[in-house]
Amino acid sequence: MPEESTPDLLGTEMREVTFPDHSRGIILVQAGTPQDDAEAVAARMWSEGRRPVP
C-alpha cells in the first residue's frame, strides 16, 4: 500500500540544488518550477542565512 500524501505537501516536489558554497542539498519547491528557479531559491535561502541541515 503506498504511503498517504500529506495535504500540505501536495503540489510540491523535491529538487537537488547547489548552494553558493558549492555544497549540494534538496529543497521543496512548487511542482513545475524550472531548475534554474529552484537554484535561485536555494541561493536566496543561503543569502538569508538559512543553511541546510547536515
N, C-alpha and C. Protein backbone atom coordinates (compact mmCIF):
# COMPACT_ATOMS: atom_id res chain seq x y z
N MET A 1 0.85 -1.17 0.00
CA MET A 1 0.00 0.00 0.00
C MET A 1 0.90 1.24 0.00
N PRO A 2 0.66 2.19 -0.92
CA PRO A 2 1.50 3.40 -0.95
C PRO A 2 1.28 4.27 0.28
N GLU A 3 2.31 5.05 0.59
CA GLU A 3 2.18 5.98 1.72
C GLU A 3 1.13 7.03 1.39
N GLU A 4 0.44 7.48 2.41
CA GLU A 4 -0.57 8.51 2.20
C GLU A 4 0.09 9.86 1.99
N SER A 5 -0.50 10.69 1.14
CA SER A 5 0.01 12.03 0.90
C SER A 5 -0.30 12.94 2.08
N THR A 6 0.56 13.88 2.31
CA THR A 6 0.31 14.91 3.31
C THR A 6 -0.27 16.11 2.57
N PRO A 7 -1.48 16.54 2.89
CA PRO A 7 -2.13 17.60 2.12
C PRO A 7 -1.30 18.86 1.93
N ASP A 8 -0.50 19.26 2.94
CA ASP A 8 0.26 20.49 2.80
C ASP A 8 1.46 20.33 1.86
N LEU A 9 1.78 19.11 1.45
CA LEU A 9 2.90 18.89 0.53
C LEU A 9 2.43 18.64 -0.89
N LEU A 10 1.12 18.54 -1.11
CA LEU A 10 0.62 18.36 -2.47
C LEU A 10 1.00 19.57 -3.32
N GLY A 11 1.42 19.31 -4.53
CA GLY A 11 1.79 20.41 -5.42
C GLY A 11 3.24 20.84 -5.25
N THR A 12 4.03 20.07 -4.47
CA THR A 12 5.44 20.38 -4.30
C THR A 12 6.28 19.22 -4.81
N GLU A 13 7.53 19.50 -5.07
CA GLU A 13 8.46 18.45 -5.44
C GLU A 13 9.84 18.78 -4.90
N MET A 14 10.65 17.74 -4.69
CA MET A 14 12.00 17.93 -4.18
C MET A 14 12.93 18.18 -5.36
N ARG A 15 13.86 19.10 -5.16
CA ARG A 15 14.85 19.40 -6.18
C ARG A 15 16.24 19.38 -5.57
N GLU A 16 17.17 18.76 -6.25
CA GLU A 16 18.57 18.81 -5.84
C GLU A 16 19.15 20.11 -6.37
N VAL A 17 19.79 20.87 -5.48
CA VAL A 17 20.33 22.19 -5.84
C VAL A 17 21.77 22.32 -5.34
N THR A 18 22.45 23.31 -5.87
CA THR A 18 23.80 23.64 -5.41
C THR A 18 23.75 25.00 -4.74
N PHE A 19 24.23 25.07 -3.50
CA PHE A 19 24.28 26.31 -2.76
C PHE A 19 25.53 27.11 -3.14
N PRO A 20 25.58 28.41 -2.82
CA PRO A 20 26.72 29.24 -3.21
C PRO A 20 28.09 28.72 -2.76
N ASP A 21 28.14 27.93 -1.70
CA ASP A 21 29.45 27.39 -1.26
C ASP A 21 29.76 26.07 -1.97
N HIS A 22 28.96 25.74 -2.99
CA HIS A 22 29.12 24.55 -3.83
C HIS A 22 28.71 23.26 -3.14
N SER A 23 28.09 23.36 -1.95
CA SER A 23 27.52 22.16 -1.33
C SER A 23 26.22 21.84 -2.05
N ARG A 24 25.78 20.61 -1.94
CA ARG A 24 24.55 20.18 -2.59
C ARG A 24 23.47 19.97 -1.53
N GLY A 25 22.24 20.13 -1.91
CA GLY A 25 21.15 19.91 -0.99
C GLY A 25 19.86 19.66 -1.72
N ILE A 26 18.81 19.40 -0.99
CA ILE A 26 17.49 19.17 -1.56
C ILE A 26 16.53 20.16 -0.91
N ILE A 27 15.76 20.83 -1.74
CA ILE A 27 14.75 21.76 -1.24
C ILE A 27 13.39 21.39 -1.84
N LEU A 28 12.33 21.83 -1.19
CA LEU A 28 10.99 21.66 -1.74
C LEU A 28 10.60 22.93 -2.48
N VAL A 29 10.09 22.75 -3.68
CA VAL A 29 9.60 23.87 -4.48
C VAL A 29 8.23 23.52 -5.03
N GLN A 30 7.55 24.50 -5.55
CA GLN A 30 6.24 24.26 -6.16
C GLN A 30 6.45 23.36 -7.38
N ALA A 31 5.58 22.38 -7.55
CA ALA A 31 5.67 21.47 -8.69
C ALA A 31 5.70 22.26 -9.99
N GLY A 32 6.59 21.87 -10.89
CA GLY A 32 6.70 22.53 -12.18
C GLY A 32 7.69 23.68 -12.21
N THR A 33 8.30 23.99 -11.06
CA THR A 33 9.29 25.07 -11.01
C THR A 33 10.52 24.68 -11.83
N PRO A 34 10.97 25.54 -12.76
CA PRO A 34 12.17 25.23 -13.53
C PRO A 34 13.40 25.09 -12.60
N GLN A 35 14.35 24.28 -13.01
CA GLN A 35 15.54 24.04 -12.20
C GLN A 35 16.30 25.33 -11.92
N ASP A 36 16.40 26.21 -12.91
CA ASP A 36 17.09 27.50 -12.69
C ASP A 36 16.43 28.29 -11.57
N ASP A 37 15.11 28.27 -11.51
CA ASP A 37 14.40 28.97 -10.44
C ASP A 37 14.64 28.30 -9.09
N ALA A 38 14.71 26.97 -9.07
CA ALA A 38 15.00 26.26 -7.82
C ALA A 38 16.39 26.63 -7.32
N GLU A 39 17.35 26.74 -8.24
CA GLU A 39 18.71 27.15 -7.86
C GLU A 39 18.70 28.57 -7.30
N ALA A 40 17.89 29.45 -7.89
CA ALA A 40 17.79 30.82 -7.40
C ALA A 40 17.18 30.86 -5.99
N VAL A 41 16.18 30.02 -5.74
CA VAL A 41 15.58 29.93 -4.41
C VAL A 41 16.64 29.48 -3.40
N ALA A 42 17.43 28.48 -3.77
CA ALA A 42 18.48 27.98 -2.88
C ALA A 42 19.49 29.08 -2.57
N ALA A 43 19.88 29.84 -3.58
CA ALA A 43 20.84 30.94 -3.36
C ALA A 43 20.24 32.01 -2.45
N ARG A 44 18.96 32.30 -2.64
CA ARG A 44 18.30 33.31 -1.79
C ARG A 44 18.22 32.83 -0.35
N MET A 45 17.86 31.55 -0.16
CA MET A 45 17.81 30.99 1.19
C MET A 45 19.19 31.09 1.85
N TRP A 46 20.21 30.78 1.10
CA TRP A 46 21.58 30.81 1.62
C TRP A 46 21.96 32.24 2.03
N SER A 47 21.63 33.21 1.18
CA SER A 47 21.98 34.60 1.48
C SER A 47 21.23 35.14 2.69
N GLU A 48 20.06 34.59 2.98
CA GLU A 48 19.27 34.99 4.14
C GLU A 48 19.71 34.27 5.41
N GLY A 49 20.71 33.42 5.29
CA GLY A 49 21.23 32.75 6.47
C GLY A 49 20.56 31.44 6.82
N ARG A 50 19.68 30.96 5.96
CA ARG A 50 19.01 29.67 6.21
C ARG A 50 19.85 28.57 5.61
N ARG A 51 20.70 27.98 6.43
CA ARG A 51 21.63 26.94 5.98
C ARG A 51 20.97 25.58 5.99
N PRO A 52 21.38 24.70 5.07
CA PRO A 52 20.81 23.36 5.05
C PRO A 52 21.20 22.58 6.30
N VAL A 53 20.36 21.65 6.68
CA VAL A 53 20.63 20.78 7.83
C VAL A 53 21.52 19.66 7.35
N PRO A 54 22.66 19.43 8.02
CA PRO A 54 23.57 18.36 7.58
C PRO A 54 22.97 16.98 7.72
